[in-house]
Protein backbone atom coordinates (compact mmCIF):
# COMPACT_ATOMS: atom_id res chain seq x y z
CA MET A 1 0.00 0.00 0.00
CA LYS A 2 1.40 3.36 -1.00
CA PRO A 3 0.73 6.70 0.68
CA ALA A 4 -1.83 8.98 -0.91
CA ILE A 5 1.12 10.91 -2.46
CA ARG A 6 3.70 12.21 -0.08
CA PHE A 7 7.38 13.13 -0.37
CA SER A 8 9.69 10.82 1.62
CA VAL A 9 11.85 12.21 4.39
CA PHE A 10 15.46 12.28 3.26
CA PHE A 11 17.29 10.18 5.84
CA LEU A 12 21.05 10.49 6.32
CA LEU A 13 21.55 6.96 5.02
CA SER A 14 19.74 7.68 1.78
CA CYS A 15 21.67 10.95 1.42
CA PHE A 16 24.92 9.04 1.72
CA LEU A 17 23.96 6.37 -0.79
CA TRP A 18 22.60 8.98 -3.20
CA THR A 19 26.02 10.66 -3.14
CA ILE A 20 27.61 7.34 -4.05
CA GLY A 21 25.02 6.79 -6.76
CA THR A 22 25.89 10.05 -8.50
CA LEU A 23 29.48 8.86 -8.82
CA THR A 24 28.40 5.87 -10.91
CA PRO A 25 29.36 6.53 -14.57
CA ALA A 26 26.34 7.59 -16.61
CA ASN A 27 26.99 5.28 -19.54
CA GLY A 28 23.40 4.81 -20.67
CA GLN A 29 23.10 5.03 -24.42
CA GLY A 30 19.74 6.77 -24.51
CA THR A 31 19.07 10.50 -24.19
CA TRP A 32 16.43 12.58 -22.39
CA THR A 33 14.60 15.54 -23.91
CA PRO A 34 12.12 17.70 -21.98
CA VAL A 35 8.73 18.04 -23.64
CA THR A 36 8.65 21.64 -24.88
CA ASN A 37 5.11 22.50 -23.81
CA SER A 38 3.47 21.63 -20.49
CA PRO A 39 -0.14 21.10 -19.42
CA VAL A 40 -1.62 23.49 -16.89
CA THR A 41 -2.30 20.86 -14.23
CA PRO A 42 0.44 18.56 -12.82
CA ASN A 43 0.49 14.85 -13.54
CA ALA A 44 -1.42 12.53 -11.21
CA GLY A 45 -0.59 9.07 -12.44
CA VAL A 46 -1.00 6.92 -15.48
CA THR A 47 -0.43 7.90 -19.13
CA LEU A 48 -2.18 5.90 -21.86
CA LEU A 49 -1.67 5.65 -25.63
CA LEU A 50 -4.93 6.08 -27.52
CA SER A 51 -5.33 4.23 -30.80
CA ASP A 52 -5.22 7.51 -32.76
CA GLY A 53 -1.65 8.19 -31.62
CA THR A 54 -2.52 10.80 -28.98
CA ILE A 55 -1.69 10.38 -25.27
CA MET A 56 -4.12 10.80 -22.37
CA CYS A 57 -2.48 11.77 -19.07
CA LYS A 58 -4.19 11.74 -15.67
CA ASN A 59 -4.04 15.06 -13.79
CA TYR A 60 -5.20 16.52 -10.46
CA ASP A 61 -8.23 18.45 -11.70
CA GLY A 62 -11.39 17.69 -9.72
CA GLY A 63 -11.95 15.88 -6.43
CA THR A 64 -9.19 15.10 -3.96
CA TYR A 65 -7.05 12.85 -6.15
CA GLY A 66 -8.00 14.01 -9.63
CA MET A 67 -10.77 13.35 -12.13
CA GLY A 68 -9.19 15.17 -15.07
CA TRP A 69 -7.14 14.14 -18.07
CA ASP A 70 -4.89 16.01 -20.50
CA ARG A 71 -4.33 15.00 -24.12
CA LEU A 72 -0.88 15.26 -25.75
CA THR A 73 -1.09 15.49 -29.55
CA PRO A 74 2.11 15.19 -31.63
CA ASP A 75 2.99 18.09 -33.89
CA SER A 76 2.77 18.05 -37.71
CA THR A 77 6.09 16.18 -37.94
CA GLY A 78 4.93 13.48 -35.51
CA SER A 79 7.02 14.84 -32.61
CA TYR A 80 5.67 14.33 -29.09
CA ILE A 81 8.48 16.50 -27.76
CA ASN A 82 6.95 19.50 -29.55
CA GLY A 83 3.35 18.33 -29.16
CA THR A 84 0.42 20.36 -27.88
CA TRP A 85 -1.85 19.85 -24.87
CA SER A 86 -5.62 20.02 -24.62
CA ASP A 87 -8.24 19.25 -21.97
CA MET A 88 -10.26 16.02 -22.02
CA ALA A 89 -13.58 15.26 -20.37
CA PRO A 90 -13.18 14.44 -16.66
CA MET A 91 -14.14 11.11 -15.11
CA TYR A 92 -17.22 10.77 -12.92
CA TYR A 93 -15.07 9.73 -9.95
CA ASP A 94 -11.71 10.84 -8.62
CA ARG A 95 -9.28 7.96 -8.25
CA LEU A 96 -5.63 7.29 -7.51
CA TYR A 97 -3.77 3.98 -8.23
CA PHE A 98 -6.35 2.22 -10.38
CA GLY A 99 -6.71 -0.36 -13.15
CA SER A 100 -6.59 0.76 -16.80
CA GLN A 101 -6.88 -0.89 -20.22
CA VAL A 102 -7.28 0.29 -23.82
CA LEU A 103 -10.03 -1.91 -25.28
CA LYS A 104 -10.20 -3.47 -28.75
CA SER A 105 -12.73 -0.80 -29.70
CA GLY A 106 -10.18 1.91 -28.89
CA LYS A 107 -12.16 2.95 -25.81
CA VAL A 108 -10.46 3.19 -22.41
CA TYR A 109 -11.52 1.24 -19.32
CA VAL A 110 -10.54 2.42 -15.81
CA SER A 111 -11.51 0.82 -12.51
CA GLY A 112 -11.23 1.28 -8.79
CA GLY A 113 -8.60 3.24 -6.95
CA GLU A 114 -6.69 2.76 -3.73
CA TYR A 115 -7.75 6.32 -2.92
CA GLY A 116 -10.70 8.41 -4.07
CA SER A 117 -14.42 8.03 -4.62
CA GLY A 118 -13.96 5.59 -7.52
CA PHE A 119 -12.62 2.68 -5.47
CA ASN A 120 -15.76 0.60 -6.13
CA ASN A 121 -16.64 1.93 -9.58
CA ALA A 122 -15.46 1.57 -13.17
CA GLU A 123 -16.06 3.75 -16.21
CA VAL A 124 -15.23 3.79 -19.92
CA TYR A 125 -13.98 6.68 -22.05
CA ASP A 126 -15.06 6.94 -25.69
CA PRO A 127 -12.43 8.97 -27.58
CA VAL A 128 -14.79 9.52 -30.53
CA ALA A 129 -17.65 10.88 -28.43
CA GLY A 130 -15.24 12.48 -25.97
CA SER A 131 -17.26 11.30 -22.98
CA TRP A 132 -17.28 8.78 -20.11
CA THR A 133 -19.86 6.09 -19.32
CA THR A 134 -20.11 4.47 -15.90
CA VAL A 135 -20.26 0.70 -15.38
CA PRO A 136 -22.81 -0.78 -12.92
CA PRO A 137 -20.90 -1.28 -9.64
CA LEU A 138 -19.76 -4.56 -8.08
CA THR A 139 -21.62 -6.37 -5.34
CA ALA A 140 -21.54 -4.94 -1.83
CA THR A 141 -18.95 -7.51 -0.71
CA ASP A 142 -16.35 -6.70 -3.37
CA THR A 143 -14.20 -3.71 -4.24
CA PHE A 144 -11.54 -2.95 -6.85
CA TYR A 145 -8.95 -1.21 -4.66
CA ASP A 146 -5.76 -0.83 -6.83
CA ALA A 147 -6.00 -4.26 -8.40
CA ASN A 148 -4.61 -5.56 -11.68
CA THR A 149 -6.43 -5.76 -15.00
CA MET A 150 -5.60 -7.67 -18.17
CA ILE A 151 -7.39 -7.73 -21.51
CA LEU A 152 -8.38 -11.25 -22.65
CA PRO A 153 -8.22 -12.68 -26.19
CA ASP A 154 -11.95 -12.06 -26.75
CA GLY A 155 -11.65 -8.40 -25.72
CA ARG A 156 -13.09 -8.76 -22.23
CA VAL A 157 -11.07 -7.60 -19.21
CA LEU A 158 -9.98 -9.79 -16.29
CA GLN A 159 -10.29 -7.60 -13.20
CA GLY A 160 -8.77 -8.32 -9.80
CA VAL A 161 -10.93 -7.40 -6.81
CA ILE A 162 -10.96 -7.71 -3.03
CA ASN A 163 -13.62 -9.93 -1.54
CA TYR A 164 -14.25 -9.04 2.08
CA ALA A 165 -14.84 -12.72 2.91
CA THR A 166 -11.94 -14.37 1.06
CA GLY A 167 -9.42 -11.50 0.86
CA PHE A 168 -7.20 -10.47 -2.03
CA ARG A 169 -8.06 -13.38 -4.33
CA GLY A 170 -11.25 -12.32 -6.09
CA ASN A 171 -11.71 -11.59 -9.78
CA TYR A 172 -14.40 -10.35 -12.14
CA ILE A 173 -14.61 -10.15 -15.91
CA TYR A 174 -15.74 -6.93 -17.56
CA ASN A 175 -17.63 -7.35 -20.84
CA PRO A 176 -17.46 -4.22 -23.06
CA ALA A 177 -20.33 -5.50 -25.23
CA THR A 178 -22.77 -5.46 -22.30
CA ASN A 179 -20.97 -2.91 -20.09
CA SER A 180 -21.28 -5.28 -17.16
CA PHE A 181 -19.32 -7.55 -14.82
CA SER A 182 -19.55 -11.28 -14.23
CA ASN A 183 -17.82 -13.47 -11.66
CA ALA A 184 -14.45 -15.03 -12.48
CA PRO A 185 -12.51 -17.75 -10.63
CA GLU A 186 -10.51 -16.71 -7.58
CA CYS A 187 -6.72 -16.81 -7.58
CA LEU A 188 -5.03 -19.65 -5.72
CA GLY A 189 -2.89 -17.16 -3.76
CA MET A 190 -3.26 -13.44 -3.12
CA HIS A 191 -2.89 -10.84 -5.88
CA LEU A 192 -2.45 -7.79 -3.62
CA GLU A 193 0.51 -5.58 -4.66
CA THR A 194 1.46 -8.03 -7.43
CA THR A 195 2.24 -7.71 -11.12
CA TRP A 196 0.33 -9.67 -13.75
CA LEU A 197 2.21 -10.44 -16.96
CA LEU A 198 0.79 -11.51 -20.33
CA LEU A 199 2.71 -14.46 -21.81
CA PRO A 200 3.02 -15.40 -25.51
CA ASP A 201 0.63 -18.35 -25.05
CA GLY A 202 -2.09 -15.92 -23.90
CA SER A 203 -1.97 -16.93 -20.24
CA ILE A 204 -1.47 -14.44 -17.39
CA LEU A 205 1.37 -15.07 -14.95
CA LEU A 206 1.14 -14.07 -11.28
CA PRO A 207 3.80 -14.54 -8.56
CA ASP A 208 1.65 -14.80 -5.42
CA TRP A 209 1.92 -12.01 -2.85
CA GLN A 210 4.29 -12.61 0.10
CA ALA A 211 5.09 -16.07 -1.24
CA THR A 212 7.29 -17.92 -3.70
CA THR A 213 4.39 -19.78 -5.30
CA SER A 214 3.07 -18.68 -8.68
CA GLU A 215 0.04 -19.30 -10.84
CA ARG A 216 -1.39 -18.55 -14.26
CA TYR A 217 -4.83 -17.72 -15.61
CA ILE A 218 -5.52 -19.80 -18.72
CA PRO A 219 -8.22 -18.00 -20.79
CA SER A 220 -9.12 -21.12 -22.79
CA LEU A 221 -9.79 -22.99 -19.52
CA GLY A 222 -11.27 -20.02 -17.70
CA THR A 223 -9.36 -20.78 -14.50
CA TRP A 224 -6.14 -20.30 -12.54
CA VAL A 225 -3.63 -23.15 -12.42
CA ALA A 226 -0.66 -23.63 -10.12
CA ASP A 227 2.72 -22.95 -11.69
CA ALA A 228 6.32 -23.50 -10.56
CA THR A 229 7.85 -22.17 -7.34
CA LEU A 230 10.18 -19.17 -7.48
CA PRO A 231 13.76 -19.93 -6.36
CA ILE A 232 13.90 -16.68 -4.37
CA SER A 233 11.48 -14.12 -2.94
CA ILE A 234 10.88 -10.88 -4.85
CA TYR A 235 8.78 -9.09 -2.19
CA ASP A 236 10.56 -6.82 0.28
CA ASP A 237 9.99 -7.30 4.02
CA ILE A 238 8.91 -3.72 4.78
CA SER A 239 6.38 -2.59 2.18
CA ASN A 240 5.71 -6.07 0.73
CA GLU A 241 5.99 -4.63 -2.77
CA THR A 242 7.46 -5.89 -6.01
CA GLY A 243 8.35 -4.05 -9.19
CA ALA A 244 7.56 -4.22 -12.88
CA ALA A 245 7.59 -7.34 -15.07
CA VAL A 246 8.25 -7.52 -18.82
CA MET A 247 8.64 -10.05 -21.61
CA LEU A 248 12.14 -10.07 -23.09
CA PRO A 249 12.91 -10.64 -26.78
CA ASN A 250 14.43 -14.04 -25.92
CA GLY A 251 11.02 -15.32 -24.83
CA LYS A 252 11.68 -15.13 -21.09
CA ALA A 253 9.85 -13.02 -18.53
CA PHE A 254 11.81 -10.69 -16.24
CA PHE A 255 10.43 -9.75 -12.80
CA MET A 256 12.04 -7.06 -10.61
CA GLY A 257 11.70 -7.39 -6.85
CA GLY A 258 11.10 -4.78 -4.18
CA ASN A 259 13.94 -6.43 -2.24
CA GLY A 260 16.45 -6.12 -5.09
CA ASN A 261 16.13 -9.70 -6.33
CA THR A 262 15.13 -10.47 -9.91
CA VAL A 263 13.90 -13.68 -11.51
CA PHE A 264 13.46 -15.03 -15.03
CA TYR A 265 10.53 -17.19 -16.09
CA THR A 266 10.64 -19.47 -19.13
CA PRO A 267 7.09 -20.30 -20.32
CA SER A 268 6.14 -23.87 -21.14
CA GLY A 269 3.72 -22.76 -23.86
CA THR A 270 1.08 -25.08 -22.40
CA ALA A 271 -0.91 -25.35 -19.18
CA SER A 272 2.08 -27.14 -17.63
CA PRO A 273 4.34 -25.16 -15.28
CA GLY A 274 7.16 -23.06 -16.69
CA THR A 275 10.61 -22.65 -15.16
CA TRP A 276 11.86 -19.96 -12.76
CA THR A 277 15.54 -19.07 -12.42
CA VAL A 278 17.42 -16.42 -10.44
CA GLY A 279 18.23 -13.23 -12.34
CA PRO A 280 20.95 -10.63 -11.72
CA SER A 281 20.35 -8.58 -8.56
CA LEU A 282 19.51 -4.94 -9.11
CA PRO A 283 22.64 -2.73 -9.02
CA LEU A 284 24.24 -1.30 -5.87
CA GLY A 285 21.96 -3.29 -3.58
CA GLN A 286 18.93 -1.30 -4.72
CA GLY A 287 15.32 -2.46 -5.01
CA ALA A 288 12.20 -1.91 -7.09
CA PRO A 289 9.23 -1.27 -4.75
CA ASP A 290 6.35 -0.36 -7.09
CA VAL A 291 8.43 1.02 -9.95
CA PRO A 292 7.92 1.22 -13.73
CA ALA A 293 9.93 -0.33 -16.54
CA SER A 294 9.74 -0.22 -20.32
CA VAL A 295 10.91 -2.60 -23.04
CA LEU A 296 12.78 -0.43 -25.53
CA PRO A 297 12.66 -1.11 -29.30
CA ASN A 298 16.31 -2.26 -29.12
CA GLY A 299 15.26 -5.01 -26.68
CA LYS A 300 16.83 -3.49 -23.57
CA VAL A 301 14.74 -2.54 -20.54
CA LEU A 302 14.62 0.99 -19.12
CA LEU A 303 13.92 0.70 -15.39
CA VAL A 304 13.90 2.67 -12.15
CA THR A 305 15.25 1.67 -8.72
CA SER A 306 15.65 3.08 -5.22
CA LEU A 307 17.05 1.88 -1.95
CA VAL A 308 15.41 -1.28 -0.63
CA PRO A 309 12.66 -0.29 1.88
CA TYR A 310 14.01 -0.11 5.44
CA GLY A 311 12.73 0.73 8.92
CA THR A 312 9.62 2.83 8.51
CA THR A 313 10.64 4.06 5.06
CA TYR A 314 8.38 2.04 2.79
CA PHE A 315 9.27 3.89 -0.40
CA PRO A 316 12.81 5.30 -0.23
CA SER A 317 14.10 8.10 -2.38
CA PRO A 318 15.79 9.17 -4.58
CA MET A 319 15.33 7.24 -7.82
CA TYR A 320 17.95 5.82 -10.18
CA PHE A 321 17.62 4.95 -13.87
CA TYR A 322 19.25 2.00 -15.65
CA GLU A 323 19.11 0.09 -18.88
CA PHE A 324 19.10 -3.69 -18.46
CA ASP A 325 20.68 -5.74 -21.25
CA TYR A 326 19.21 -9.24 -21.25
CA LEU A 327 21.96 -10.51 -23.58
CA THR A 328 24.68 -9.80 -21.00
CA ASN A 329 22.59 -9.64 -17.80
CA THR A 330 24.10 -6.24 -17.03
CA TYR A 331 22.79 -2.85 -15.94
CA THR A 332 24.06 0.45 -17.35
CA SER A 333 23.51 3.67 -15.41
CA VAL A 334 21.31 6.29 -17.11
CA PRO A 335 21.54 9.95 -16.01
CA LEU A 336 18.52 11.76 -14.64
CA PRO A 337 16.44 13.84 -17.06
CA PRO A 338 17.88 17.36 -17.46
CA GLY A 339 16.71 19.70 -14.74
CA PHE A 340 15.02 16.93 -12.77
CA ASP A 341 15.91 16.75 -9.07
CA SER A 342 14.93 13.38 -7.57
CA THR A 343 15.80 14.42 -4.01
CA GLY A 344 12.95 13.15 -1.85
CA VAL A 345 11.16 11.65 -4.86
CA PRO A 346 10.50 7.89 -4.58
CA PRO A 347 10.37 5.85 -7.79
CA PHE A 348 6.64 5.15 -7.60
CA PHE A 349 6.18 8.80 -8.62
CA ASP A 350 7.51 7.83 -12.07
CA HIS A 351 5.44 6.54 -15.01
CA MET A 352 6.54 5.30 -18.43
CA LEU A 353 4.74 4.83 -21.73
CA ASN A 354 6.00 3.44 -25.05
CA LEU A 355 5.36 5.91 -27.87
CA PRO A 356 4.65 4.93 -31.50
CA ASP A 357 7.86 6.67 -32.66
CA GLY A 358 10.08 4.32 -30.61
CA ASN A 359 10.64 6.70 -27.70
CA VAL A 360 9.35 6.52 -24.12
CA LEU A 361 7.25 9.22 -22.44
CA MET A 362 8.17 9.86 -18.79
CA SER A 363 5.99 11.66 -16.25
CA PHE A 364 6.17 12.26 -12.49
CA PHE A 365 3.59 12.95 -9.80
CA TYR A 366 3.15 16.62 -8.92
CA SER A 367 5.01 17.77 -12.03
CA ASN A 368 3.71 19.20 -15.30
CA GLN A 369 7.10 18.70 -16.93
CA TYR A 370 7.15 15.59 -19.13
CA TYR A 371 10.23 13.99 -20.70
CA VAL A 372 10.94 11.81 -23.72
CA TYR A 373 13.63 9.11 -23.58
CA THR A 374 15.19 8.25 -26.94
CA PRO A 375 16.98 4.88 -26.90
CA SER A 376 20.02 4.14 -29.00
CA GLY A 377 20.37 1.56 -31.74
CA SER A 378 17.81 0.02 -34.04
CA ALA A 379 14.69 -1.99 -33.27
CA ILE A 380 15.14 -5.73 -33.02
CA ALA A 381 14.05 -7.59 -36.15
CA ALA A 382 11.66 -9.91 -34.32
CA GLY A 383 9.54 -6.99 -33.12
CA HIS A 384 8.60 -5.52 -36.50
CA PRO A 385 4.98 -5.81 -37.64
CA SER A 386 4.40 -6.68 -41.30
CA ILE A 387 1.71 -5.33 -43.64
CA ASP A 388 0.11 -7.70 -46.15
CA SER A 389 -2.76 -5.72 -47.65
CA ILE A 390 -5.14 -2.79 -47.24
CA PHE A 391 -8.84 -3.04 -48.15
CA LYS A 392 -10.93 0.07 -48.66
CA VAL A 393 -14.27 0.01 -46.80
CA SER A 394 -15.04 3.65 -47.62
CA CYS A 395 -13.06 6.77 -48.46
CA ASP A 396 -12.06 7.24 -44.82
CA THR A 397 -12.22 3.69 -43.43
CA TYR A 398 -9.93 0.78 -44.29
CA LEU A 399 -9.18 -2.77 -43.19
CA ILE A 400 -5.48 -3.56 -42.95
CA THR A 401 -4.04 -7.07 -42.64
CA GLY A 402 -0.62 -8.38 -41.70
CA THR A 403 1.30 -10.01 -38.86
CA GLN A 404 2.77 -9.02 -35.48
CA PHE A 405 0.35 -6.08 -35.08
CA ASN A 406 0.50 -6.61 -31.29
CA GLY A 407 4.28 -6.78 -30.95
CA ILE A 408 6.39 -9.07 -28.80
CA SER A 409 5.71 -7.49 -25.38
CA THR A 410 3.12 -5.28 -23.72
CA GLY A 411 5.54 -2.34 -23.71
CA SER A 412 5.69 -0.62 -20.30
CA SER A 413 4.81 -2.11 -16.93
CA TYR A 414 4.12 -0.75 -13.45
CA GLY A 415 2.26 -3.35 -11.43
CA ASP A 416 -1.07 -3.51 -9.67
CA ASP A 417 -1.64 0.25 -9.51
CA TRP A 418 -2.30 0.83 -13.20
CA GLN A 419 -1.55 -0.70 -16.55
CA MET A 420 -0.31 1.07 -19.70
CA ALA A 421 0.07 -1.71 -22.26
CA THR A 422 0.68 -0.69 -25.89
CA ASN A 423 0.47 -4.08 -27.64
CA TYR A 424 -2.02 -2.93 -30.28
CA PRO A 425 -1.61 -1.52 -33.81
CA ILE A 426 -1.01 2.18 -34.43
CA VAL A 427 -1.29 3.35 -38.06
CA ARG A 428 0.92 6.25 -39.15
CA LEU A 429 0.90 8.09 -42.51
CA THR A 430 3.83 10.19 -43.72
CA ASN A 431 4.01 12.60 -46.65
CA GLY A 432 7.24 14.57 -46.81
CA THR A 433 7.72 16.11 -43.36
CA HIS A 434 4.04 15.75 -42.44
CA VAL A 435 2.99 12.88 -40.17
CA TYR A 436 -0.59 11.86 -39.41
CA TYR A 437 -2.09 9.11 -37.26
CA ALA A 438 -5.20 7.15 -38.17
CA ARG A 439 -7.49 5.80 -35.45
CA THR A 440 -7.47 2.00 -35.21
CA TYR A 441 -10.16 -0.18 -33.67
CA ASN A 442 -11.45 -3.75 -33.69
CA TRP A 443 -8.00 -5.30 -33.87
CA ASN A 444 -8.49 -9.06 -33.96
CA ARG A 445 -5.85 -9.97 -31.36
CA THR A 446 -4.77 -8.85 -27.92
CA GLY A 447 -1.85 -11.25 -27.49
CA ILE A 448 1.88 -10.91 -28.09
CA CYS A 449 4.47 -12.87 -30.08
CA THR A 450 1.81 -14.14 -32.51
CA GLY A 451 4.34 -14.83 -35.28
CA SER A 452 2.81 -15.57 -38.66
CA LEU A 453 -0.81 -15.62 -37.47
CA PRO A 454 -2.88 -13.19 -39.59
CA ASP A 455 -3.75 -9.90 -37.90
CA THR A 456 -6.40 -7.39 -38.91
CA THR A 457 -7.51 -3.98 -37.73
CA THR A 458 -9.80 -1.28 -39.04
CA PHE A 459 -8.47 2.26 -39.27
CA VAL A 460 -10.14 5.59 -39.91
CA LEU A 461 -8.26 8.45 -41.55
CA PRO A 462 -8.01 11.69 -39.56
CA ALA A 463 -10.49 14.40 -40.51
CA GLY A 464 -9.13 16.83 -43.07
CA LEU A 465 -6.32 14.56 -44.26
CA PRO A 466 -5.10 16.02 -47.58
CA ALA A 467 -5.62 13.80 -50.62
CA ALA A 468 -2.18 12.45 -51.52
CA THR A 469 0.01 9.39 -51.67
CA TYR A 470 1.40 8.49 -48.25
CA SER A 471 3.94 6.15 -46.75
CA LEU A 472 1.92 4.04 -44.28
CA ASP A 473 3.30 1.91 -41.45
CA VAL A 474 1.95 -0.01 -38.47
CA SER A 475 3.73 0.15 -35.12
CA ALA A 476 3.36 -1.82 -31.89
CA ASN A 477 5.22 -0.74 -28.74
CA GLY A 478 7.15 1.77 -30.86
CA ILE A 479 8.48 -0.73 -33.39
CA ALA A 480 7.26 0.05 -36.91
CA SER A 481 6.66 -2.10 -39.97
CA VAL A 482 8.26 -1.54 -43.34
CA PRO A 483 6.09 1.22 -44.86
CA VAL A 484 3.84 0.70 -47.87
CA SER A 485 2.44 3.16 -50.38
CA PHE A 486 -1.10 4.31 -49.59
CA HIS A 487 -3.44 6.45 -51.73
CA THR A 488 -6.31 8.44 -50.27
CA CYS A 489 -9.64 8.97 -52.03
CA PRO A 490 -10.23 9.74 -54.81
CA PRO A 491 -8.26 6.68 -55.97
CA VAL A 492 -5.15 7.29 -58.01
CA GLN A 493 -5.73 5.31 -61.21
CA VAL A 494 -2.77 4.16 -63.26
CA PRO A 495 -3.89 3.01 -66.72
CA GLY A 496 -2.45 0.05 -68.47
CA ILE A 497 -1.82 -2.08 -65.35
CA VAL A 498 -1.37 -5.74 -66.24
CA ILE A 499 -2.24 -8.39 -63.66
CA GLY A 500 -0.34 -11.60 -64.17
CA ARG A 501 -2.54 -14.52 -65.23
CA ALA A 502 -0.91 -16.82 -62.69
CA VAL A 503 -3.22 -15.80 -59.84
CA GLN A 504 -3.00 -18.10 -56.81
CA LEU A 505 -5.20 -18.54 -53.77
CA MET A 506 -3.37 -20.16 -50.86
CA PRO A 507 -4.79 -22.02 -49.06
CA ASN A 508 -7.67 -23.18 -51.19
CA PRO A 509 -9.90 -24.59 -49.68
CA ALA A 510 -9.64 -22.03 -46.85
CA THR A 511 -11.40 -21.16 -43.60
CA ALA A 512 -10.61 -17.85 -41.85
CA SER A 513 -8.54 -16.29 -44.65
CA THR A 514 -6.66 -16.96 -47.86
CA ASN A 515 -3.69 -15.32 -49.58
CA LEU A 516 -4.29 -13.79 -53.01
CA ILE A 517 -0.93 -13.96 -54.81
CA PHE A 518 -0.25 -12.41 -58.23
CA GLN A 519 2.15 -10.26 -60.27
CA SER A 520 1.36 -6.67 -61.27
CA SER A 521 3.13 -4.37 -63.73
CA GLY A 522 2.59 -1.30 -61.52
CA GLU A 523 0.53 0.54 -58.91
CA ALA A 524 -3.24 0.72 -59.22
CA ASP A 525 -6.49 0.45 -57.28
CA CYS A 526 -8.13 -2.85 -58.20
CA GLN A 527 -11.56 -4.08 -57.18
CA LEU A 528 -11.70 -7.46 -55.44
CA THR A 529 -15.09 -9.20 -55.37
CA LEU A 530 -16.28 -12.52 -53.95
CA LYS A 531 -19.60 -13.87 -55.26
CA ASN A 532 -21.33 -17.00 -54.00
CA SER A 533 -22.68 -19.84 -56.12
CA ILE A 534 -25.92 -17.98 -56.94
CA GLY A 535 -24.13 -14.78 -58.00
CA GLN A 536 -24.65 -12.72 -54.85
CA THR A 537 -21.80 -10.42 -53.77
CA ALA A 538 -20.52 -11.71 -50.44
CA PHE A 539 -17.48 -9.46 -50.09
CA GLN A 540 -16.09 -6.50 -52.00
CA THR A 541 -13.23 -4.10 -51.43
CA THR A 542 -10.54 -2.13 -53.20
CA ILE A 543 -6.93 -3.25 -52.97
CA GLN A 544 -3.84 -1.32 -53.98
CA THR A 545 -1.29 -3.18 -56.07
CA HIS A 546 2.38 -2.42 -56.48
CA ALA A 547 4.83 -3.38 -59.17
CA GLY A 548 6.05 -6.95 -58.85
CA ALA A 549 4.77 -9.69 -56.55
CA ASN A 550 1.62 -8.94 -54.54
CA ASN A 551 0.22 -10.90 -51.59
CA PHE A 552 -3.10 -9.84 -50.09
CA VAL A 553 -4.83 -11.58 -47.19
CA VAL A 554 -8.53 -11.97 -47.96
CA PRO A 555 -10.63 -12.27 -44.77
CA LEU A 556 -13.20 -15.06 -44.92
CA HIS A 557 -14.40 -15.36 -41.32
CA THR A 558 -17.77 -13.70 -42.13
CA LEU A 559 -18.53 -16.01 -45.08
CA SER A 560 -20.56 -19.19 -45.05
CA ALA A 561 -19.03 -22.42 -46.29
CA GLY A 562 -19.37 -22.90 -50.03
CA ILE A 563 -17.89 -22.21 -53.48
CA TYR A 564 -17.11 -18.60 -54.43
CA LEU A 565 -15.88 -16.81 -57.53
CA LEU A 566 -13.10 -14.34 -56.78
CA THR A 567 -12.77 -11.50 -59.29
CA LEU A 568 -9.83 -9.09 -59.43
CA GLN A 569 -10.45 -6.17 -61.78
CA SER A 570 -8.10 -3.33 -62.74
CA ALA A 571 -8.92 -0.39 -65.03
CA ASP A 572 -8.72 -2.56 -68.13
CA GLN A 573 -8.38 -6.18 -67.01
CA LEU A 574 -10.42 -8.79 -65.15
CA VAL A 575 -9.15 -12.08 -63.65
CA ASN A 576 -11.34 -14.81 -62.08
CA GLU A 577 -10.43 -17.62 -59.68
CA LYS A 578 -12.57 -20.22 -57.88
CA LEU A 579 -12.36 -20.35 -54.07
CA VAL A 580 -13.72 -23.01 -51.70
CA VAL A 581 -14.57 -21.82 -48.17
CA GLU A 582 -14.89 -24.56 -45.57
């Protein structure tokens, strides 16, 4: 349990160790840049990436602990450093340390609060309408407190709660379609002050509070199962806190302990237990009591530490920054942001968020000065999304298909107090020096490390987007795909395009989707049509070809089983192919 925001007393011991800490070489490869403009009201907690590329930041407006939010919009070149701030609609309840998730619809779900009037209430923000909607409250025997949340594969949210009869084990599931809660199985151990972590197999890993046991929630089974025992405790003895947890590019999970210990977890990929091993202790005997961390595009982890809690000092100050390299199991000191004095500032004041441009946004309680951390090096190859095809639904709405739209991690982590995952597709359009973000929604997956599984999302072009040819990419956790050429309406027609006669559909027969493979002599908008056996149009869209080999994923999940005629028509050519849908 954290205080309701207070500055720690600066004990002589912490002063002494802080002096030593400043002598550590600042060899971190990243750089800090202060955000040029500042919102009027200081930060009061979590920052969240909306699916249109803007950032919503909790502030102190309204109530005791804050009901307000600020929006950070990147400038015309896509820079968040030079972005502008605007007010957003306030919540119905003030809340501090609460659950948060961006839903598949692009809406934002928040719940509970260790402090404030919203401790037993949840609400949902609609970024299109610019308004909040409350969720019917829990039963009288349950409350949210500052519990964890995690989005499930079907788009519902697993929500940790406190049951006054059974303690810190309870769970609910929030259903966005009905705006309501239903009961979910209890945890085997306690989830108070713990960190939930999404694994590549879709399960949710939980090291039990004040214990070395662990468990996982298996969505396909709808229950928690016992997992392996940790080789060492990661909860400190004073505040009983742990730190952030992230998935590393090597497929292992990395948990940071409030007591300075760290552990790795290797998933089994099934319902069977995984394997825990001891990780490298945090540097200089420091700990991670309720601190953030972020997986950088280069695969390293930006993290924060402090002294290990001692005596009556539950959350020591000051804070230290490091980059953790999982390839060498080493920590490299990172200097403080310019002009930032961490004297008396414990690390739980700090919040991180992965930005679509590959940087990390940093904010601190009580401050309206935000910072951007720019890591060094290039993004790891395994983290890049890939675009297969773009289907036009209307002049401002498109369906885009590809792979790895959710990335290989959830981005940043904090723990049970709030969640700021960014494992969802962000669509960016560039023309010269101008950068625009489209709003995505209805992405088909919420997992990570999905490999070659087909991904889809719908995106809507921003209002007033100039008609032009753009370079379009998809990013997840700040790692972008190879860009493709994209034409706005009205379509740019290129006469004389020749579609190669060797059109292939793979697989055929198919179920959820098939790949349309062909050669084209150039760029053009071509109409793709699927008609059933009695000549009715079952699916129709516009695809954009490019010179050379083309591979478009055709979604089939809405079609009934049967035989279809696929037609691909350019300005002066028409090609037919038979398709069997099972």
